[in-house]
Amino acid sequence: CFCFSRPTPVIRWIKEGGELPANRTFFENFKKTLKIIDVSEADSGNYKCIARNMLGSVHHVISVTVKAAPYWITAPRNLVLSPGEDGTLICRANGNPKPNISWLANGVPI
């Protein structure tokens, strides 16, 4: 967030509709740079930098999208069943974009 004026503006950062990530947010370069470590999907959103001095203020909105490879919420588990028993397989995955889940039996789509 680079803004040039006289007198030198004070820079402030906010996350629209929420809070800046607690204990993972750092500022560099006299608050012109917002740094977030250990980013998660919850960090997606609009971040606003505001530059203000005694003559006024200006702001800019930066849209942040966090992409994530598929990961297991609940991984499928092997079942050992006897003839006539019922079994349930559960597969829960997430990611961004949301992954498609496909079921195959011996390599053939169900």
N, C-alpha and C. Protein backbone atom coordinates (compact mmCIF):
# COMPACT_ATOMS: atom_id res chain seq x y z
N CYS A 1 0.86 -1.17 0.00
CA CYS A 1 0.00 0.00 0.00
C CYS A 1 0.91 1.23 0.00
N PHE A 2 1.22 1.74 -1.19
CA PHE A 2 2.11 2.88 -1.31
C PHE A 2 1.31 4.12 -1.64
N CYS A 3 1.44 5.12 -0.78
CA CYS A 3 0.73 6.38 -0.96
C CYS A 3 1.70 7.51 -0.65
N PHE A 4 1.76 8.48 -1.52
CA PHE A 4 2.70 9.59 -1.34
C PHE A 4 1.93 10.87 -1.11
N SER A 5 2.25 11.56 -0.03
CA SER A 5 1.62 12.86 0.25
C SER A 5 2.45 13.59 1.32
N ARG A 6 2.14 14.85 1.49
CA ARG A 6 2.74 15.66 2.54
C ARG A 6 1.63 16.30 3.33
N PRO A 7 1.57 16.20 4.63
CA PRO A 7 2.49 15.42 5.44
C PRO A 7 2.33 13.91 5.16
N THR A 8 3.36 13.16 5.54
CA THR A 8 3.38 11.71 5.31
C THR A 8 2.15 11.07 5.96
N PRO A 9 1.42 10.23 5.21
CA PRO A 9 0.21 9.62 5.77
C PRO A 9 0.50 8.47 6.73
N VAL A 10 -0.45 8.22 7.59
CA VAL A 10 -0.43 7.04 8.45
C VAL A 10 -1.20 5.96 7.71
N ILE A 11 -0.63 4.75 7.65
CA ILE A 11 -1.26 3.64 6.94
C ILE A 11 -1.94 2.72 7.95
N ARG A 12 -3.16 2.30 7.62
CA ARG A 12 -3.91 1.36 8.46
C ARG A 12 -4.50 0.29 7.56
N TRP A 13 -4.53 -0.94 8.04
CA TRP A 13 -5.09 -2.07 7.29
C TRP A 13 -6.29 -2.64 8.03
N ILE A 14 -7.34 -3.02 7.27
CA ILE A 14 -8.49 -3.72 7.85
C ILE A 14 -8.89 -4.83 6.88
N LYS A 15 -9.55 -5.82 7.41
CA LYS A 15 -10.16 -6.86 6.58
C LYS A 15 -11.66 -6.60 6.60
N GLU A 16 -12.24 -6.40 5.41
CA GLU A 16 -13.66 -6.10 5.34
C GLU A 16 -14.47 -7.29 5.84
N GLY A 17 -15.41 -7.03 6.75
CA GLY A 17 -16.27 -8.08 7.27
C GLY A 17 -15.60 -9.00 8.26
N GLY A 18 -14.46 -8.63 8.79
CA GLY A 18 -13.77 -9.50 9.74
C GLY A 18 -12.57 -8.82 10.35
N GLU A 19 -11.78 -9.62 11.01
CA GLU A 19 -10.58 -9.15 11.69
C GLU A 19 -9.35 -9.61 10.92
N LEU A 20 -8.27 -8.84 11.05
CA LEU A 20 -7.00 -9.32 10.51
C LEU A 20 -6.62 -10.58 11.28
N PRO A 21 -5.99 -11.55 10.61
CA PRO A 21 -5.63 -12.79 11.30
C PRO A 21 -4.79 -12.53 12.55
N ALA A 22 -5.27 -12.98 13.69
CA ALA A 22 -4.59 -12.74 14.96
C ALA A 22 -3.29 -13.55 15.03
N ASN A 23 -2.24 -12.93 15.53
CA ASN A 23 -0.93 -13.54 15.76
C ASN A 23 -0.25 -14.04 14.48
N ARG A 24 -0.81 -13.72 13.31
CA ARG A 24 -0.19 -14.14 12.05
C ARG A 24 -0.01 -12.96 11.10
N THR A 25 -0.28 -11.75 11.60
CA THR A 25 -0.22 -10.54 10.79
C THR A 25 0.97 -9.70 11.23
N PHE A 26 1.76 -9.30 10.23
CA PHE A 26 2.92 -8.46 10.51
C PHE A 26 2.95 -7.33 9.49
N PHE A 27 3.51 -6.22 9.89
CA PHE A 27 3.62 -5.06 9.01
C PHE A 27 5.09 -4.79 8.74
N GLU A 28 5.37 -4.41 7.51
CA GLU A 28 6.73 -4.07 7.11
C GLU A 28 6.71 -2.76 6.33
N ASN A 29 7.89 -2.18 6.18
CA ASN A 29 8.04 -0.98 5.35
C ASN A 29 7.10 0.15 5.81
N PHE A 30 7.14 0.44 7.12
CA PHE A 30 6.32 1.51 7.72
C PHE A 30 4.83 1.27 7.47
N LYS A 31 4.41 0.02 7.63
CA LYS A 31 3.02 -0.44 7.48
C LYS A 31 2.52 -0.41 6.04
N LYS A 32 3.40 -0.18 5.08
CA LYS A 32 2.98 -0.21 3.68
C LYS A 32 2.76 -1.64 3.19
N THR A 33 3.35 -2.59 3.89
CA THR A 33 3.25 -4.00 3.51
C THR A 33 2.59 -4.78 4.64
N LEU A 34 1.51 -5.47 4.31
CA LEU A 34 0.83 -6.37 5.24
C LEU A 34 1.30 -7.78 4.91
N LYS A 35 1.79 -8.50 5.91
CA LYS A 35 2.30 -9.85 5.71
C LYS A 35 1.50 -10.80 6.60
N ILE A 36 0.95 -11.85 5.99
CA ILE A 36 0.19 -12.87 6.73
C ILE A 36 0.95 -14.18 6.59
N ILE A 37 1.28 -14.81 7.72
CA ILE A 37 1.98 -16.09 7.66
C ILE A 37 1.00 -17.22 7.92
N ASP A 38 1.36 -18.41 7.46
CA ASP A 38 0.56 -19.62 7.63
C ASP A 38 -0.87 -19.39 7.16
N VAL A 39 -1.01 -18.99 5.90
CA VAL A 39 -2.30 -18.61 5.32
C VAL A 39 -3.25 -19.80 5.28
N SER A 40 -4.53 -19.53 5.56
CA SER A 40 -5.58 -20.55 5.46
C SER A 40 -6.70 -20.01 4.57
N GLU A 41 -7.64 -20.88 4.21
CA GLU A 41 -8.76 -20.46 3.36
C GLU A 41 -9.57 -19.34 4.00
N ALA A 42 -9.62 -19.31 5.34
CA ALA A 42 -10.37 -18.27 6.04
C ALA A 42 -9.76 -16.88 5.83
N ASP A 43 -8.53 -16.83 5.35
CA ASP A 43 -7.89 -15.53 5.10
C ASP A 43 -8.33 -14.90 3.79
N SER A 44 -9.10 -15.62 2.98
CA SER A 44 -9.64 -15.04 1.74
C SER A 44 -10.56 -13.88 2.10
N GLY A 45 -10.61 -12.89 1.25
CA GLY A 45 -11.50 -11.76 1.48
C GLY A 45 -10.92 -10.48 0.93
N ASN A 46 -11.56 -9.39 1.26
CA ASN A 46 -11.11 -8.07 0.83
C ASN A 46 -10.37 -7.37 1.96
N TYR A 47 -9.17 -6.93 1.65
CA TYR A 47 -8.35 -6.20 2.60
C TYR A 47 -8.27 -4.75 2.12
N LYS A 48 -8.39 -3.85 3.06
CA LYS A 48 -8.39 -2.42 2.70
C LYS A 48 -7.20 -1.74 3.39
N CYS A 49 -6.42 -1.01 2.60
CA CYS A 49 -5.39 -0.16 3.19
C CYS A 49 -5.90 1.28 3.12
N ILE A 50 -5.73 1.98 4.21
CA ILE A 50 -6.20 3.35 4.32
C ILE A 50 -5.01 4.23 4.66
N ALA A 51 -4.81 5.28 3.85
CA ALA A 51 -3.76 6.26 4.11
C ALA A 51 -4.43 7.55 4.53
N ARG A 52 -4.02 8.09 5.68
CA ARG A 52 -4.68 9.28 6.22
C ARG A 52 -3.62 10.26 6.75
N ASN A 53 -3.85 11.53 6.45
CA ASN A 53 -3.10 12.60 7.11
C ASN A 53 -4.10 13.70 7.45
N MET A 54 -3.62 14.83 7.94
CA MET A 54 -4.54 15.90 8.40
C MET A 54 -5.34 16.52 7.26
N LEU A 55 -4.96 16.25 6.01
CA LEU A 55 -5.66 16.83 4.88
C LEU A 55 -6.72 15.91 4.28
N GLY A 56 -6.75 14.65 4.72
CA GLY A 56 -7.75 13.73 4.19
C GLY A 56 -7.27 12.31 4.20
N SER A 57 -8.00 11.46 3.48
CA SER A 57 -7.64 10.05 3.42
C SER A 57 -7.99 9.47 2.06
N VAL A 58 -7.36 8.35 1.77
CA VAL A 58 -7.61 7.61 0.55
C VAL A 58 -7.49 6.13 0.91
N HIS A 59 -8.18 5.26 0.17
CA HIS A 59 -8.08 3.84 0.47
C HIS A 59 -8.05 3.03 -0.81
N HIS A 60 -7.62 1.80 -0.67
CA HIS A 60 -7.61 0.87 -1.80
C HIS A 60 -7.98 -0.51 -1.26
N VAL A 61 -8.80 -1.24 -2.02
CA VAL A 61 -9.23 -2.59 -1.62
C VAL A 61 -8.48 -3.62 -2.44
N ILE A 62 -7.91 -4.60 -1.76
CA ILE A 62 -7.18 -5.69 -2.40
C ILE A 62 -7.94 -6.98 -2.12
N SER A 63 -8.32 -7.68 -3.17
CA SER A 63 -9.04 -8.94 -3.04
C SER A 63 -8.04 -10.09 -2.95
N VAL A 64 -8.18 -10.91 -1.92
CA VAL A 64 -7.28 -12.05 -1.71
C VAL A 64 -8.11 -13.33 -1.80
N THR A 65 -7.67 -14.24 -2.67
CA THR A 65 -8.30 -15.56 -2.80
C THR A 65 -7.25 -16.61 -2.46
N VAL A 66 -7.58 -17.48 -1.53
CA VAL A 66 -6.66 -18.54 -1.14
C VAL A 66 -7.12 -19.82 -1.83
N LYS A 67 -6.26 -20.39 -2.65
CA LYS A 67 -6.54 -21.65 -3.32
C LYS A 67 -5.95 -22.78 -2.48
N ALA A 68 -6.58 -23.94 -2.51
CA ALA A 68 -6.09 -25.08 -1.73
C ALA A 68 -6.28 -26.36 -2.53
N ALA A 69 -5.23 -27.16 -2.60
CA ALA A 69 -5.33 -28.47 -3.22
C ALA A 69 -6.30 -29.32 -2.39
N PRO A 70 -6.92 -30.33 -2.98
CA PRO A 70 -7.83 -31.18 -2.20
C PRO A 70 -7.13 -31.78 -0.97
N TYR A 71 -7.87 -31.85 0.11
CA TYR A 71 -7.37 -32.47 1.34
C TYR A 71 -8.52 -33.21 2.00
N TRP A 72 -8.19 -34.20 2.80
CA TRP A 72 -9.20 -35.03 3.46
C TRP A 72 -9.79 -34.33 4.68
N ILE A 73 -11.10 -34.33 4.75
CA ILE A 73 -11.80 -34.00 5.99
C ILE A 73 -12.04 -35.32 6.72
N THR A 74 -12.57 -36.30 6.00
CA THR A 74 -12.71 -37.67 6.50
C THR A 74 -12.26 -38.59 5.37
N ALA A 75 -11.12 -39.25 5.56
CA ALA A 75 -10.61 -40.15 4.53
C ALA A 75 -11.37 -41.48 4.59
N PRO A 76 -11.59 -42.11 3.44
CA PRO A 76 -12.25 -43.42 3.44
C PRO A 76 -11.42 -44.44 4.22
N ARG A 77 -12.11 -45.37 4.87
CA ARG A 77 -11.44 -46.43 5.63
C ARG A 77 -11.83 -47.78 5.03
N ASN A 78 -10.91 -48.70 5.11
CA ASN A 78 -11.17 -50.05 4.61
C ASN A 78 -12.25 -50.72 5.45
N LEU A 79 -13.05 -51.55 4.79
CA LEU A 79 -14.08 -52.32 5.48
C LEU A 79 -13.83 -53.80 5.24
N VAL A 80 -14.09 -54.59 6.26
CA VAL A 80 -14.10 -56.04 6.12
C VAL A 80 -15.50 -56.48 6.49
N LEU A 81 -16.23 -57.04 5.51
CA LEU A 81 -17.62 -57.41 5.71
C LEU A 81 -17.84 -58.88 5.38
N SER A 82 -18.83 -59.45 6.03
CA SER A 82 -19.27 -60.81 5.71
C SER A 82 -20.43 -60.73 4.74
N PRO A 83 -20.66 -61.77 3.96
CA PRO A 83 -21.81 -61.76 3.06
C PRO A 83 -23.10 -61.45 3.80
N GLY A 84 -23.92 -60.57 3.23
CA GLY A 84 -25.19 -60.18 3.82
C GLY A 84 -25.11 -58.97 4.73
N GLU A 85 -23.91 -58.56 5.13
CA GLU A 85 -23.77 -57.38 5.98
C GLU A 85 -23.88 -56.11 5.14
N ASP A 86 -24.23 -55.01 5.82
CA ASP A 86 -24.25 -53.70 5.20
C ASP A 86 -22.96 -52.96 5.56
N GLY A 87 -22.51 -52.13 4.66
CA GLY A 87 -21.31 -51.33 4.93
C GLY A 87 -21.49 -49.92 4.40
N THR A 88 -20.87 -48.97 5.04
CA THR A 88 -20.93 -47.58 4.63
C THR A 88 -19.51 -47.06 4.45
N LEU A 89 -19.27 -46.49 3.29
CA LEU A 89 -18.00 -45.84 3.03
C LEU A 89 -18.22 -44.33 3.05
N ILE A 90 -17.38 -43.62 3.76
CA ILE A 90 -17.51 -42.17 3.87
C ILE A 90 -16.25 -41.52 3.30
N CYS A 91 -16.45 -40.56 2.43
CA CYS A 91 -15.34 -39.82 1.83
C CYS A 91 -15.71 -38.34 1.87
N ARG A 92 -14.98 -37.57 2.66
CA ARG A 92 -15.22 -36.13 2.73
C ARG A 92 -13.91 -35.42 2.43
N ALA A 93 -13.93 -34.59 1.40
CA ALA A 93 -12.74 -33.84 1.01
C ALA A 93 -13.14 -32.38 0.79
N ASN A 94 -12.15 -31.51 0.90
CA ASN A 94 -12.38 -30.09 0.66
C ASN A 94 -11.19 -29.53 -0.11
N GLY A 95 -11.30 -28.33 -0.54
CA GLY A 95 -10.27 -27.63 -1.27
C GLY A 95 -10.88 -26.40 -1.91
N ASN A 96 -10.07 -25.62 -2.58
CA ASN A 96 -10.57 -24.46 -3.30
C ASN A 96 -9.83 -24.35 -4.63
N PRO A 97 -10.49 -24.65 -5.73
CA PRO A 97 -11.93 -24.91 -5.86
C PRO A 97 -12.32 -26.25 -5.25
N LYS A 98 -13.62 -26.37 -4.92
CA LYS A 98 -14.14 -27.57 -4.28
C LYS A 98 -13.91 -28.78 -5.18
N PRO A 99 -13.30 -29.85 -4.65
CA PRO A 99 -13.01 -31.01 -5.49
C PRO A 99 -14.26 -31.83 -5.80
N ASN A 100 -14.22 -32.51 -6.94
CA ASN A 100 -15.26 -33.48 -7.28
C ASN A 100 -14.86 -34.82 -6.71
N ILE A 101 -15.81 -35.53 -6.12
CA ILE A 101 -15.55 -36.85 -5.56
C ILE A 101 -16.16 -37.89 -6.48
N SER A 102 -15.33 -38.86 -6.86
CA SER A 102 -15.80 -39.94 -7.73
C SER A 102 -15.59 -41.26 -7.00
N TRP A 103 -16.54 -42.17 -7.17
CA TRP A 103 -16.44 -43.51 -6.58
C TRP A 103 -16.22 -44.51 -7.70
N LEU A 104 -15.26 -45.41 -7.49
CA LEU A 104 -14.98 -46.47 -8.46
C LEU A 104 -14.91 -47.78 -7.72
N ALA A 105 -15.36 -48.86 -8.35
CA ALA A 105 -15.22 -50.21 -7.81
C ALA A 105 -14.34 -50.98 -8.79
N ASN A 106 -13.16 -51.42 -8.33
CA ASN A 106 -12.19 -52.11 -9.17
C ASN A 106 -11.87 -51.30 -10.42
N GLY A 107 -11.75 -49.97 -10.27
CA GLY A 107 -11.38 -49.10 -11.37
C GLY A 107 -12.50 -48.69 -12.28
N VAL A 108 -13.72 -49.13 -12.00
CA VAL A 108 -14.89 -48.82 -12.84
C VAL A 108 -15.79 -47.87 -12.08
N PRO A 109 -16.18 -46.73 -12.69
CA PRO A 109 -17.06 -45.79 -12.00
C PRO A 109 -18.37 -46.47 -11.56
N ILE A 110 -18.81 -46.10 -10.37
CA ILE A 110 -20.07 -46.65 -9.85
C ILE A 110 -21.21 -45.78 -10.35
